[in-house]
C-alpha atoms as a PDB file:
ATOM      1  CA  MET A   1      42.293 121.868   2.970  1.00  0.00           C
ATOM      2  CA  PRO A   2      39.489 124.014   1.443  1.00  0.00           C
ATOM      3  CA  SER A   3      37.203 122.708   4.183  1.00  0.00           C
ATOM      4  CA  PHE A   4      39.678 123.983   6.817  1.00  0.00           C
ATOM      5  CA  PHE A   5      39.637 127.546   5.472  1.00  0.00           C
ATOM      6  CA  GLN A   6      35.834 127.465   5.293  1.00  0.00           C
ATOM      7  CA  HIS A   7      35.726 127.029   9.075  1.00  0.00           C
ATOM      8  CA  PHE A   8      38.900 128.745  10.362  1.00  0.00           C
ATOM      9  CA  ALA A   9      38.908 132.547  10.607  1.00  0.00           C
ATOM     10  CA  PHE A  10      40.170 135.462  12.681  1.00  0.00           C
ATOM     11  CA  LYS A  11      37.712 137.736  14.467  1.00  0.00           C
ATOM     12  CA  ASP A  12      40.169 140.681  14.658  1.00  0.00           C
ATOM     13  CA  PRO A  13      42.561 140.100  11.742  1.00  0.00           C
ATOM     14  CA  ALA A  14      44.009 143.642  11.955  1.00  0.00           C
ATOM     15  CA  TRP A  15      46.340 142.435  14.735  1.00  0.00           C
ATOM     16  CA  LEU A  16      48.089 140.247  12.150  1.00  0.00           C
ATOM     17  CA  LEU A  17      49.767 143.378  10.790  1.00  0.00           C
ATOM     18  CA  LEU A  18      52.147 143.119  13.757  1.00  0.00           C
ATOM     19  CA  LEU A  19      53.684 140.138  11.984  1.00  0.00           C
ATOM     20  CA  LEU A  20      55.348 142.642   9.664  1.00  0.00           C
ATOM     21  CA  LEU A  21      57.383 143.869  12.641  1.00  0.00           C
ATOM     22  CA  VAL A  22      58.404 140.322  13.553  1.00  0.00           C
ATOM     23  CA  LEU A  23      59.874 139.445  10.166  1.00  0.00           C
ATOM     24  CA  PRO A  24      63.027 141.569  10.617  1.00  0.00           C
ATOM     25  CA  LEU A  25      63.841 139.641  13.799  1.00  0.00           C
ATOM     26  CA  PHE A  26      64.542 136.522  11.727  1.00  0.00           C
ATOM     27  CA  PHE A  27      67.357 138.365   9.988  1.00  0.00           C
ATOM     28  CA  LEU A  28      68.661 140.325  12.967  1.00  0.00           C
ATOM     29  CA  ARG A  29      69.067 137.195  15.101  1.00  0.00           C
ATOM     30  CA  ARG A  30      71.833 135.931  12.786  1.00  0.00           C
ATOM     31  CA  ARG A  31      73.674 139.200  12.608  1.00  0.00           C
ATOM     32  CA  ILE A  32      76.991 139.506  14.502  1.00  0.00           C
ATOM     33  CA  GLY A  33      77.283 142.625  16.610  1.00  0.00           C
ATOM     34  CA  ALA A  34      80.362 144.777  17.158  1.00  0.00           C
ATOM     35  CA  ALA A  35      83.034 142.821  19.016  1.00  0.00           C
ATOM     36  CA  ALA A  36      85.294 144.332  21.682  1.00  0.00           C
ATOM     37  CA  SER A  37      89.005 143.530  21.227  1.00  0.00           C
ATOM     38  CA  ILE A  38      92.165 143.540  23.349  1.00  0.00           C
ATOM     39  CA  GLY A  39      95.642 143.287  21.850  1.00  0.00           C
ATOM     40  CA  PHE A  40      97.773 140.331  22.876  1.00  0.00           C
ATOM     41  CA  SER A  41     101.258 139.536  21.745  1.00  0.00           C
ATOM     42  CA  SER A  42     100.403 135.874  21.712  1.00  0.00           C
ATOM     43  CA  LEU A  43      97.052 133.991  21.622  1.00  0.00           C
ATOM     44  CA  SER A  44      98.354 130.832  23.266  1.00  0.00           C
ATOM     45  CA  ILE A  45      97.558 132.152  26.713  1.00  0.00           C
ATOM     46  CA  LEU A  46      93.857 132.384  25.847  1.00  0.00           C
ATOM     47  CA  GLY A  47      93.581 128.629  25.352  1.00  0.00           C
ATOM     48  CA  SER A  48      93.299 128.043  29.084  1.00  0.00           C
ATOM     49  CA  VAL A  49      91.115 131.048  29.863  1.00  0.00           C
ATOM     50  CA  GLY A  50      87.742 129.558  29.006  1.00  0.00           C
ATOM     51  CA  GLN A  51      85.670 127.284  26.836  1.00  0.00           C
ATOM     52  CA  ARG A  52      84.400 127.987  23.310  1.00  0.00           C
ATOM     53  CA  ALA A  53      81.185 129.999  23.311  1.00  0.00           C
ATOM     54  CA  HIS A  54      78.035 127.972  22.679  1.00  0.00           C
ATOM     55  CA  GLN A  55      76.270 129.368  19.617  1.00  0.00           C
ATOM     56  CA  ARG A  56      73.502 126.759  19.116  1.00  0.00           C
ATOM     57  CA  PRO A  57      71.575 127.470  22.392  1.00  0.00           C
ATOM     58  CA  GLY A  58      71.592 131.162  21.627  1.00  0.00           C
ATOM     59  CA  ALA A  59      70.173 130.665  18.140  1.00  0.00           C
ATOM     60  CA  LEU A  60      67.484 128.316  19.477  1.00  0.00           C
ATOM     61  CA  THR A  61      66.552 130.787  22.215  1.00  0.00           C
ATOM     62  CA  ALA A  62      66.081 133.578  19.681  1.00  0.00           C
ATOM     63  CA  ALA A  63      63.909 131.351  17.490  1.00  0.00           C
ATOM     64  CA  LEU A  64      61.749 130.319  20.453  1.00  0.00           C
ATOM     65  CA  LEU A  65      61.203 133.936  21.478  1.00  0.00           C
ATOM     66  CA  ILE A  66      60.231 134.916  17.921  1.00  0.00           C
ATOM     67  CA  PHE A  67      57.685 132.092  17.638  1.00  0.00           C
ATOM     68  CA  ALA A  68      56.343 133.000  21.085  1.00  0.00           C
ATOM     69  CA  ILE A  69      55.696 136.530  19.812  1.00  0.00           C
ATOM     70  CA  ILE A  70      54.017 135.169  16.661  1.00  0.00           C
ATOM     71  CA  ALA A  71      51.748 132.923  18.728  1.00  0.00           C
ATOM     72  CA  ALA A  72      50.830 135.901  20.930  1.00  0.00           C
ATOM     73  CA  ILE A  73      49.931 137.970  17.850  1.00  0.00           C
ATOM     74  CA  PHE A  74      47.715 135.137  16.573  1.00  0.00           C
ATOM     75  CA  ALA A  75      46.001 135.083  19.959  1.00  0.00           C
ATOM     76  CA  LEU A  76      45.309 138.823  19.731  1.00  0.00           C
ATOM     77  CA  ALA A  77      43.693 138.270  16.310  1.00  0.00           C
ATOM     78  CA  ARG A  78      41.142 135.934  17.983  1.00  0.00           C
ATOM     79  CA  PRO A  79      41.353 132.721  15.905  1.00  0.00           C
ATOM     80  CA  GLN A  80      38.031 130.877  15.709  1.00  0.00           C
ATOM     81  CA  TRP A  81      36.632 127.637  14.338  1.00  0.00           C
ATOM     82  CA  ARG A  82      33.271 128.547  12.833  1.00  0.00           C
ATOM     83  CA  ASN A  83      30.281 126.452  11.882  1.00  0.00           C
ATOM     84  CA  GLU A  84      27.552 128.257   9.963  1.00  0.00           C
ATOM     85  CA  TYR A  85      23.951 127.082  10.095  1.00  0.00           C
ATOM     86  CA  VAL A  86      21.332 128.489   7.733  1.00  0.00           C
ATOM     87  CA  ALA A  87      17.864 128.724   9.235  1.00  0.00           C
ATOM     88  CA  ARG A  88      15.041 129.442   6.826  1.00  0.00           C
ATOM     89  CA  THR A  89      11.633 130.655   7.888  1.00  0.00           C
ATOM     90  CA  ALA A  90       8.918 130.833   5.258  1.00  0.00           C
ATOM     91  CA  SER A  91       5.423 132.238   5.348  1.00  0.00           C
ATOM     92  CA  GLY A  92       4.523 129.992   2.469  1.00  0.00           C
ATOM     93  CA  ILE A  93       1.389 129.175   0.555  1.00  0.00           C
ATOM     94  CA  ASP A  94      -0.545 125.925   0.773  1.00  0.00           C
ATOM     95  CA  ILE A  95      -1.027 124.609  -2.748  1.00  0.00           C
ATOM     96  CA  LEU A  96      -3.024 121.525  -3.672  1.00  0.00           C
ATOM     97  CA  ILE A  97      -2.725 120.180  -7.209  1.00  0.00           C
ATOM     98  CA  ALA A  98      -5.814 118.350  -8.491  1.00  0.00           C
ATOM     99  CA  LEU A  99      -4.823 116.196 -11.469  1.00  0.00           C
ATOM    100  CA  ASP A 100      -7.280 114.532 -13.842  1.00  0.00           C
ATOM    101  CA  VAL A 101      -6.407 110.845 -14.341  1.00  0.00           C
ATOM    102  CA  SER A 102      -9.359 109.846 -16.487  1.00  0.00           C
ATOM    103  CA  TYR A 103      -8.689 107.686 -19.553  1.00  0.00           C
ATOM    104  CA  SER A 104      -8.799 110.712 -21.858  1.00  0.00           C
ATOM    105  CA  MET A 105      -5.482 111.790 -20.296  1.00  0.00           C
ATOM    106  CA  GLU A 106      -3.777 108.956 -22.188  1.00  0.00           C
ATOM    107  CA  ILE A 107      -4.361 110.728 -25.508  1.00  0.00           C
ATOM    108  CA  PRO A 108      -0.944 111.379 -27.133  1.00  0.00           C
ATOM    109  CA  ASP A 109      -1.362 114.849 -28.613  1.00  0.00           C
ATOM    110  CA  PHE A 110       1.636 116.667 -27.070  1.00  0.00           C
ATOM    111  CA  TYR A 111       4.934 116.885 -28.957  1.00  0.00           C
ATOM    112  CA  PRO A 112       8.078 116.891 -26.760  1.00  0.00           C
ATOM    113  CA  ASN A 113       9.547 120.410 -26.824  1.00  0.00           C
ATOM    114  CA  ASP A 114       6.824 121.137 -29.397  1.00  0.00           C
ATOM    115  CA  ASP A 115       8.953 119.409 -32.021  1.00  0.00           C
ATOM    116  CA  ARG A 116       6.589 117.675 -34.448  1.00  0.00           C
ATOM    117  CA  ARG A 117       9.389 115.443 -35.685  1.00  0.00           C
ATOM    118  CA  LEU A 118       9.387 113.606 -32.338  1.00  0.00           C
ATOM    119  CA  PRO A 119       6.852 110.979 -31.211  1.00  0.00           C
ATOM    120  CA  ARG A 120       3.938 112.488 -29.325  1.00  0.00           C
ATOM    121  CA  LYS A 121       3.504 112.078 -25.582  1.00  0.00           C
ATOM    122  CA  GLN A 122       0.391 111.373 -23.563  1.00  0.00           C
ATOM    123  CA  ARG A 123      -1.274 114.236 -21.766  1.00  0.00           C
ATOM    124  CA  ILE A 124      -0.743 112.627 -18.372  1.00  0.00           C
ATOM    125  CA  VAL A 125       2.991 112.207 -19.023  1.00  0.00           C
ATOM    126  CA  VAL A 126       3.489 115.847 -20.010  1.00  0.00           C
ATOM    127  CA  ALA A 127       1.321 117.089 -17.136  1.00  0.00           C
ATOM    128  CA  LYS A 128       3.381 115.131 -14.595  1.00  0.00           C
ATOM    129  CA  GLU A 129       6.642 116.490 -16.041  1.00  0.00           C
ATOM    130  CA  VAL A 130       5.482 120.096 -15.797  1.00  0.00           C
ATOM    131  CA  ILE A 131       3.990 119.620 -12.319  1.00  0.00           C
ATOM    132  CA  ARG A 132       7.279 118.145 -11.108  1.00  0.00           C
ATOM    133  CA  ASP A 133       9.130 121.245 -12.322  1.00  0.00           C
ATOM    134  CA  PHE A 134       6.522 123.450 -10.639  1.00  0.00           C
ATOM    135  CA  ILE A 135       7.116 121.660  -7.333  1.00  0.00           C
ATOM    136  CA  ASP A 136      10.827 122.422  -7.614  1.00  0.00           C
ATOM    137  CA  LEU A 137      10.004 126.122  -8.019  1.00  0.00           C
ATOM    138  CA  ARG A 138       8.155 126.229  -4.672  1.00  0.00           C
ATOM    139  CA  PRO A 139      10.731 125.185  -2.030  1.00  0.00           C
ATOM    140  CA  ASP A 140       9.121 127.291   0.709  1.00  0.00           C
ATOM    141  CA  ASP A 141       5.548 126.121   0.223  1.00  0.00           C
ATOM    142  CA  ARG A 142       3.526 123.168   1.426  1.00  0.00           C
ATOM    143  CA  LEU A 143       2.111 121.222  -1.491  1.00  0.00           C
ATOM    144  CA  GLY A 144      -0.284 118.317  -1.805  1.00  0.00           C
ATOM    145  CA  LEU A 145      -1.734 116.220  -4.598  1.00  0.00           C
ATOM    146  CA  VAL A 146      -5.219 114.889  -5.355  1.00  0.00           C
ATOM    147  CA  ALA A 147      -5.959 112.701  -8.371  1.00  0.00           C
ATOM    148  CA  PHE A 148      -9.454 112.314  -9.736  1.00  0.00           C
ATOM    149  CA  SER A 149     -11.517 110.670 -12.434  1.00  0.00           C
ATOM    150  CA  GLY A 150     -14.991 109.433 -11.436  1.00  0.00           C
ATOM    151  CA  ARG A 151     -14.089 110.341  -7.844  1.00  0.00           C
ATOM    152  CA  PRO A 152     -11.095 111.975  -6.144  1.00  0.00           C
ATOM    153  CA  TYR A 153      -8.469 110.308  -3.982  1.00  0.00           C
ATOM    154  CA  ALA A 154      -5.572 111.765  -2.023  1.00  0.00           C
ATOM    155  CA  VAL A 155      -2.183 110.953  -3.528  1.00  0.00           C
ATOM    156  CA  SER A 156      -0.192 113.029  -1.046  1.00  0.00           C
ATOM    157  CA  PRO A 157      -1.192 115.183   1.932  1.00  0.00           C
ATOM    158  CA  ILE A 158       0.019 118.762   2.048  1.00  0.00           C
ATOM    159  CA  THR A 159       3.704 118.510   2.912  1.00  0.00           C
ATOM    160  CA  MET A 160       7.084 120.219   2.794  1.00  0.00           C
ATOM    161  CA  ASP A 161       8.725 116.944   1.813  1.00  0.00           C
ATOM    162  CA  HIS A 162       8.773 117.658  -1.893  1.00  0.00           C
ATOM    163  CA  ASP A 163      10.906 114.639  -2.780  1.00  0.00           C
ATOM    164  CA  TRP A 164       8.274 112.376  -1.294  1.00  0.00           C
ATOM    165  CA  LEU A 165       5.575 114.350  -3.123  1.00  0.00           C
ATOM    166  CA  LYS A 166       7.310 113.937  -6.484  1.00  0.00           C
ATOM    167  CA  MET A 167       7.804 110.232  -5.842  1.00  0.00           C
ATOM    168  CA  ASN A 168       4.055 109.828  -5.332  1.00  0.00           C
ATOM    169  CA  LEU A 169       3.365 111.941  -8.407  1.00  0.00           C
ATOM    170  CA  GLU A 170       5.358 109.492 -10.525  1.00  0.00           C
ATOM    171  CA  ARG A 171       3.350 106.571  -9.129  1.00  0.00           C
ATOM    172  CA  ILE A 172       0.068 107.909 -10.484  1.00  0.00           C
ATOM    173  CA  LYS A 173      -1.359 105.660 -13.203  1.00  0.00           C
ATOM    174  CA  LEU A 174      -4.464 105.888 -15.292  1.00  0.00           C
ATOM    175  CA  GLY A 175      -7.197 103.470 -14.351  1.00  0.00           C
ATOM    176  CA  GLU A 176      -6.325 103.265 -10.646  1.00  0.00           C
ATOM    177  CA  ILE A 177      -9.773 104.580  -9.766  1.00  0.00           C
ATOM    178  CA  LYS A 178     -12.590 102.177 -10.605  1.00  0.00           C
ATOM    179  CA  GLU A 179     -15.159 104.932 -11.024  1.00  0.00           C
ATOM    180  CA  GLN A 180     -14.551 106.375 -14.471  1.00  0.00           C
ATOM    181  CA  GLY A 181     -15.478 109.834 -15.682  1.00  0.00           C
ATOM    182  CA  THR A 182     -14.423 113.360 -14.722  1.00  0.00           C
ATOM    183  CA  ALA A 183     -15.718 114.520 -11.348  1.00  0.00           C
ATOM    184  CA  ILE A 184     -14.459 118.109 -11.271  1.00  0.00           C
ATOM    185  CA  GLY A 185     -16.902 119.215  -8.586  1.00  0.00           C
ATOM    186  CA  SER A 186     -15.896 116.387  -6.271  1.00  0.00           C
ATOM    187  CA  ALA A 187     -12.212 117.106  -6.909  1.00  0.00           C
ATOM    188  CA  ILE A 188     -12.706 120.766  -5.907  1.00  0.00           C
ATOM    189  CA  ALA A 189     -14.568 119.721  -2.751  1.00  0.00           C
ATOM    190  CA  ALA A 190     -11.885 117.192  -1.755  1.00  0.00           C
ATOM    191  CA  SER A 191      -9.110 119.719  -2.350  1.00  0.00           C
ATOM    192  CA  SER A 192     -10.916 122.459  -0.423  1.00  0.00           C
ATOM    193  CA  THR A 193     -11.529 120.145   2.520  1.00  0.00           C
ATOM    194  CA  ARG A 194      -7.812 119.450   2.852  1.00  0.00           C
ATOM    195  CA  LEU A 195      -6.895 123.125   2.575  1.00  0.00           C
ATOM    196  CA  THR A 196      -9.509 124.224   5.104  1.00  0.00           C
ATOM    197  CA  LYS A 197      -7.731 122.302   7.834  1.00  0.00           C
ATOM    198  CA  ARG A 198      -4.539 124.230   7.195  1.00  0.00           C
ATOM    199  CA  ASP A 199      -3.417 127.510   8.814  1.00  0.00           C
ATOM    200  CA  ALA A 200      -1.873 129.362   5.900  1.00  0.00           C
ATOM    201  CA  LYS A 201      -2.007 132.944   4.717  1.00  0.00           C
ATOM    202  CA  SER A 202      -2.956 131.780   1.227  1.00  0.00           C
ATOM    203  CA  LYS A 203      -4.652 128.616  -0.044  1.00  0.00           C
ATOM    204  CA  VAL A 204      -4.581 127.618  -3.691  1.00  0.00           C
ATOM    205  CA  VAL A 205      -5.919 124.779  -5.844  1.00  0.00           C
ATOM    206  CA  VAL A 206      -4.393 124.127  -9.271  1.00  0.00           C
ATOM    207  CA  LEU A 207      -6.908 122.047 -11.227  1.00  0.00           C
ATOM    208  CA  VAL A 208      -5.563 120.263 -14.322  1.00  0.00           C
ATOM    209  CA  THR A 209      -8.130 118.550 -16.546  1.00  0.00           C
ATOM    210  CA  ASP A 210      -8.846 117.787 -20.193  1.00  0.00           C
ATOM    211  CA  GLY A 211     -12.594 117.308 -20.037  1.00  0.00           C
ATOM    212  CA  ALA A 212     -15.953 118.359 -18.697  1.00  0.00           C
ATOM    213  CA  ASN A 213     -17.621 117.393 -15.466  1.00  0.00           C
ATOM    214  CA  ASN A 214     -19.639 114.229 -16.086  1.00  0.00           C
ATOM    215  CA  SER A 215     -19.398 112.358 -12.768  1.00  0.00           C
ATOM    216  CA  GLY A 216     -19.826 112.968  -9.095  1.00  0.00           C
ATOM    217  CA  LYS A 217     -22.724 114.342  -7.057  1.00  0.00           C
ATOM    218  CA  LEU A 218     -21.431 117.916  -6.639  1.00  0.00           C
ATOM    219  CA  ASP A 219     -21.774 120.590  -9.297  1.00  0.00           C
ATOM    220  CA  PRO A 220     -18.407 122.290 -10.080  1.00  0.00           C
ATOM    221  CA  ILE A 221     -19.866 125.803  -9.816  1.00  0.00           C
ATOM    222  CA  GLU A 222     -21.403 125.118  -6.415  1.00  0.00           C
ATOM    223  CA  ALA A 223     -18.123 123.614  -5.251  1.00  0.00           C
ATOM    224  CA  ALA A 224     -16.264 126.707  -6.469  1.00  0.00           C
ATOM    225  CA  LYS A 225     -18.644 129.002  -4.559  1.00  0.00           C
ATOM    226  CA  LEU A 226     -18.017 127.070  -1.360  1.00  0.00           C
ATOM    227  CA  ALA A 227     -14.267 127.237  -1.951  1.00  0.00           C
ATOM    228  CA  SER A 228     -14.489 130.982  -2.498  1.00  0.00           C
ATOM    229  CA  GLU A 229     -16.217 131.416   0.871  1.00  0.00           C
ATOM    230  CA  LEU A 230     -13.277 129.598   2.455  1.00  0.00           C
ATOM    231  CA  GLY A 231     -10.790 131.986   0.821  1.00  0.00           C
ATOM    232  CA  ILE A 232      -9.449 129.374  -1.617  1.00  0.00           C
ATOM    233  CA  ARG A 233      -8.358 130.374  -5.115  1.00  0.00           C
ATOM    234  CA  ILE A 234      -8.742 127.797  -7.898  1.00  0.00           C
ATOM    235  CA  TYR A 235      -6.576 128.085 -11.000  1.00  0.00           C
ATOM    236  CA  THR A 236      -8.113 125.967 -13.752  1.00  0.00           C
ATOM    237  CA  ILE A 237      -6.021 124.525 -16.576  1.00  0.00           C
ATOM    238  CA  ALA A 238      -7.574 122.860 -19.628  1.00  0.00           C
ATOM    239  CA  ILE A 239      -5.026 120.789 -21.536  1.00  0.00           C
ATOM    240  CA  GLY A 240      -5.125 118.929 -24.847  1.00  0.00           C
ATOM    241  CA  THR A 241      -6.174 119.629 -28.413  1.00  0.00           C
ATOM    242  CA  GLU A 242      -9.659 119.434 -29.871  1.00  0.00           C
ATOM    243  CA  ASP A 243      -8.428 116.812 -32.329  1.00  0.00           C
ATOM    244  CA  GLY A 244      -7.467 114.389 -29.567  1.00  0.00           C
ATOM    245  CA  ARG A 245      -9.688 111.370 -29.172  1.00  0.00           C
ATOM    246  CA  VAL A 246      -9.882 108.500 -26.723  1.00  0.00           C
ATOM    247  CA  SER A 247      -8.878 105.199 -28.367  1.00  0.00           C
ATOM    248  CA  ASN A 248     -11.555 102.806 -29.614  1.00  0.00           C
ATOM    249  CA  ARG A 249     -10.647 100.281 -26.951  1.00  0.00           C
ATOM    250  CA  ARG A 250     -11.783 102.772 -24.293  1.00  0.00           C
ATOM    251  CA  GLN A 251     -14.987 104.035 -25.939  1.00  0.00           C
ATOM    252  CA  SER A 252     -17.158 102.667 -28.704  1.00  0.00           C
ATOM    253  CA  PHE A 253     -17.730 106.206 -29.976  1.00  0.00           C
ATOM    254  CA  PRO A 254     -14.596 108.189 -29.150  1.00  0.00           C
ATOM    255  CA  ALA A 255     -15.212 111.827 -28.296  1.00  0.00           C
ATOM    256  CA  GLN A 256     -13.440 114.658 -26.579  1.00  0.00           C
ATOM    257  CA  GLU A 257     -15.235 117.189 -24.402  1.00  0.00           C
ATOM    258  CA  PHE A 258     -13.977 120.596 -23.389  1.00  0.00           C
ATOM    259  CA  ASP A 259     -15.934 122.778 -21.009  1.00  0.00           C
ATOM    260  CA  GLU A 260     -14.012 126.024 -20.989  1.00  0.00           C
ATOM    261  CA  THR A 261     -17.052 127.974 -19.868  1.00  0.00           C
ATOM    262  CA  THR A 262     -17.314 126.096 -16.568  1.00  0.00           C
ATOM    263  CA  LEU A 263     -13.572 126.197 -15.943  1.00  0.00           C
ATOM    264  CA  ARG A 264     -13.485 129.936 -16.589  1.00  0.00           C
ATOM    265  CA  GLU A 265     -16.338 130.518 -14.174  1.00  0.00           C
ATOM    266  CA  ILE A 266     -14.652 128.409 -11.478  1.00  0.00           C
ATOM    267  CA  ALA A 267     -11.523 130.551 -11.734  1.00  0.00           C
ATOM    268  CA  SER A 268     -13.531 133.781 -11.798  1.00  0.00           C
ATOM    269  CA  LEU A 269     -15.599 132.865  -8.742  1.00  0.00           C
ATOM    270  CA  THR A 270     -12.461 132.203  -6.702  1.00  0.00           C
ATOM    271  CA  ASN A 271     -10.525 135.286  -7.873  1.00  0.00           C
ATOM    272  CA  ALA A 272      -8.054 133.194  -9.871  1.00  0.00           C
ATOM    273  CA  GLU A 273      -7.367 132.610 -13.582  1.00  0.00           C
ATOM    274  CA  PHE A 274      -8.195 130.121 -16.327  1.00  0.00           C
ATOM    275  CA  PHE A 275      -5.561 128.811 -18.738  1.00  0.00           C
ATOM    276  CA  ARG A 276      -5.937 126.914 -22.014  1.00  0.00           C
ATOM    277  CA  CYS A 277      -2.935 124.781 -22.980  1.00  0.00           C
ATOM    278  CA  ARG A 278      -2.663 123.126 -26.385  1.00  0.00           C
ATOM    279  CA  ASP A 279       1.066 122.421 -26.340  1.00  0.00           C
ATOM    280  CA  VAL A 280       3.955 121.852 -23.952  1.00  0.00           C
ATOM    281  CA  ALA A 281       5.173 125.462 -24.111  1.00  0.00           C
ATOM    282  CA  SER A 282       1.811 126.910 -23.112  1.00  0.00           C
ATOM    283  CA  LEU A 283       1.495 124.404 -20.260  1.00  0.00           C
ATOM    284  CA  ARG A 284       4.908 125.351 -18.888  1.00  0.00           C
ATOM    285  CA  ASN A 285       4.118 129.052 -19.278  1.00  0.00           C
ATOM    286  CA  THR A 286       0.886 128.493 -17.379  1.00  0.00           C
ATOM    287  CA  PHE A 287       2.634 127.009 -14.365  1.00  0.00           C
ATOM    288  CA  ASP A 288       5.288 129.730 -14.559  1.00  0.00           C
ATOM    289  CA  SER A 289       2.495 132.320 -14.466  1.00  0.00           C
ATOM    290  CA  ILE A 290       0.911 130.690 -11.425  1.00  0.00           C
ATOM    291  CA  ASN A 291       4.320 130.576  -9.777  1.00  0.00           C
ATOM    292  CA  THR A 292       4.644 134.334 -10.362  1.00  0.00           C
ATOM    293  CA  LEU A 293       1.120 135.149  -9.203  1.00  0.00           C
ATOM    294  CA  GLU A 294       1.390 133.171  -5.971  1.00  0.00           C
ATOM    295  CA  LYS A 295       4.572 134.453  -4.370  1.00  0.00           C
ATOM    296  CA  SER A 296       5.588 133.284  -0.926  1.00  0.00           C
ATOM    297  CA  GLU A 297       7.797 135.207   1.494  1.00  0.00           C
ATOM    298  CA  SER A 298      10.872 133.558   2.935  1.00  0.00           C
ATOM    299  CA  LYS A 299      13.635 134.801   5.227  1.00  0.00           C
ATOM    300  CA  THR A 300      17.043 133.239   5.626  1.00  0.00           C
ATOM    301  CA  HIS A 301      19.035 133.597   8.859  1.00  0.00           C
ATOM    302  CA  THR A 302      22.651 132.538   9.148  1.00  0.00           C
ATOM    303  CA  VAL A 303      23.692 131.448  12.633  1.00  0.00           C
ATOM    304  CA  VAL A 304      27.444 131.247  13.300  1.00  0.00           C
ATOM    305  CA  ASP A 305      28.682 128.953  16.066  1.00  0.00           C
ATOM    306  CA  ALA A 306      32.234 130.114  16.844  1.00  0.00           C
ATOM    307  CA  ASP A 307      34.675 128.126  18.971  1.00  0.00           C
ATOM    308  CA  GLU A 308      37.448 130.393  20.309  1.00  0.00           C
ATOM    309  CA  TRP A 309      40.993 129.120  19.808  1.00  0.00           C
ATOM    310  CA  PHE A 310      42.976 132.079  21.219  1.00  0.00           C
ATOM    311  CA  LEU A 311      43.650 130.241  24.505  1.00  0.00           C
ATOM    312  CA  TRP A 312      45.592 127.589  22.579  1.00  0.00           C
ATOM    313  CA  PHE A 313      47.802 130.266  21.020  1.00  0.00           C
ATOM    314  CA  ILE A 314      48.292 132.040  24.354  1.00  0.00           C
ATOM    315  CA  GLY A 315      49.310 128.730  25.904  1.00  0.00           C
ATOM    316  CA  THR A 316      51.694 128.031  23.022  1.00  0.00           C
ATOM    317  CA  SER A 317      53.230 131.489  23.386  1.00  0.00           C
ATOM    318  CA  PHE A 318      53.714 130.949  27.137  1.00  0.00           C
ATOM    319  CA  VAL A 319      55.343 127.544  26.627  1.00  0.00           C
ATOM    320  CA  LEU A 320      57.713 128.858  23.945  1.00  0.00           C
ATOM    321  CA  ALA A 321      58.680 131.855  26.093  1.00  0.00           C
ATOM    322  CA  PHE A 322      59.274 129.553  29.093  1.00  0.00           C
ATOM    323  CA  LEU A 323      61.503 127.287  26.995  1.00  0.00           C
ATOM    324  CA  ALA A 324      63.464 130.288  25.740  1.00  0.00           C
ATOM    325  CA  LEU A 325      64.050 131.558  29.281  1.00  0.00           C
ATOM    326  CA  SER A 326      65.027 128.051  30.370  1.00  0.00           C
ATOM    327  CA  PHE A 327      67.686 127.870  27.653  1.00  0.00           C
ATOM    328  CA  ILE A 328      69.008 131.253  28.735  1.00  0.00           C
ATOM    329  CA  GLY A 329      69.117 130.068  32.350  1.00  0.00           C
ATOM    330  CA  LEU A 330      70.938 126.855  31.457  1.00  0.00           C
ATOM    331  CA  ASN A 331      73.284 128.528  29.023  1.00  0.00           C
ATOM    332  CA  PRO A 332      73.943 132.035  30.341  1.00  0.00           C
ATOM    333  CA  PRO A 333      75.970 134.392  28.150  1.00  0.00           C
ATOM    334  CA  PRO A 334      79.579 134.929  29.196  1.00  0.00           C
ATOM    335  CA  MET A 335      79.976 137.664  31.827  1.00  0.00           C
ATOM    336  CA  PRO A 336      82.350 140.503  31.025  1.00  0.00           C
ATOM    337  CA  SER A 337      85.494 140.483  33.148  1.00  0.00           C
END
């Protein structure tokens, strides 16, 4: 029933006020009018004068006429069956997320909800959680994903299918790339190449890493300069704590590198910002800040497809009126003598 009222409506509902004039007819049709009378000394003579008046056809005729009027009023109010379609047009932003998947991203130095009583989570796990929430905040934008360690590889092309994007984000695992290291310059170049092919008013790279560039053939600063010439902004995010260390099974001499200077310069060259995140709260705030800085414009249009029903009510009114007149014709009122 709620679904019915979501679709059924009147275009000119003011005509329904006429129903207030119809209501009294329901009471007047049962009212007995003033009867004429003639005095007789005896009523026995009237037994052969005529038959008993038929009351049922008259009552039915009145009811049919009243419902015919009601149907006509409904027709005047223009009943419609409506289907609404929401069309959304967005002049969105193309955003490519470059995520570091080197072995240092397995370091567990993030506390869930920053509660130190809980077991710590790996950097890659927390980064994926926050990126997934960021994707949900950008429904009107095309987003893509590049993972990198010793070299970059495309996880997802730039797409509006965010469910598919998040599914591929969850599939990312450390160690999938044979070439180990952190090739930030190559990651910037790969991301810029994919954005260059796009026709968007704004192109953005969000680079998430926990280390310094130590692999690849392209210097990060040179890659950032090329990206800047293409009108691409690169937001750089350094995550992790200085106390975090790669496990002994990964490196004989565990160490953790942070190159904030390079990451700051990359952001500055491309007219973007650098963020340093040492806990979950700061990482979420960083993505919230980027979401605020890179606003996309979207317009929503509601298209209403209305199917007119007034012909059905006009037809019903005509049929009811015809039936009422037929009853009157078949059962005429007694003629005065």
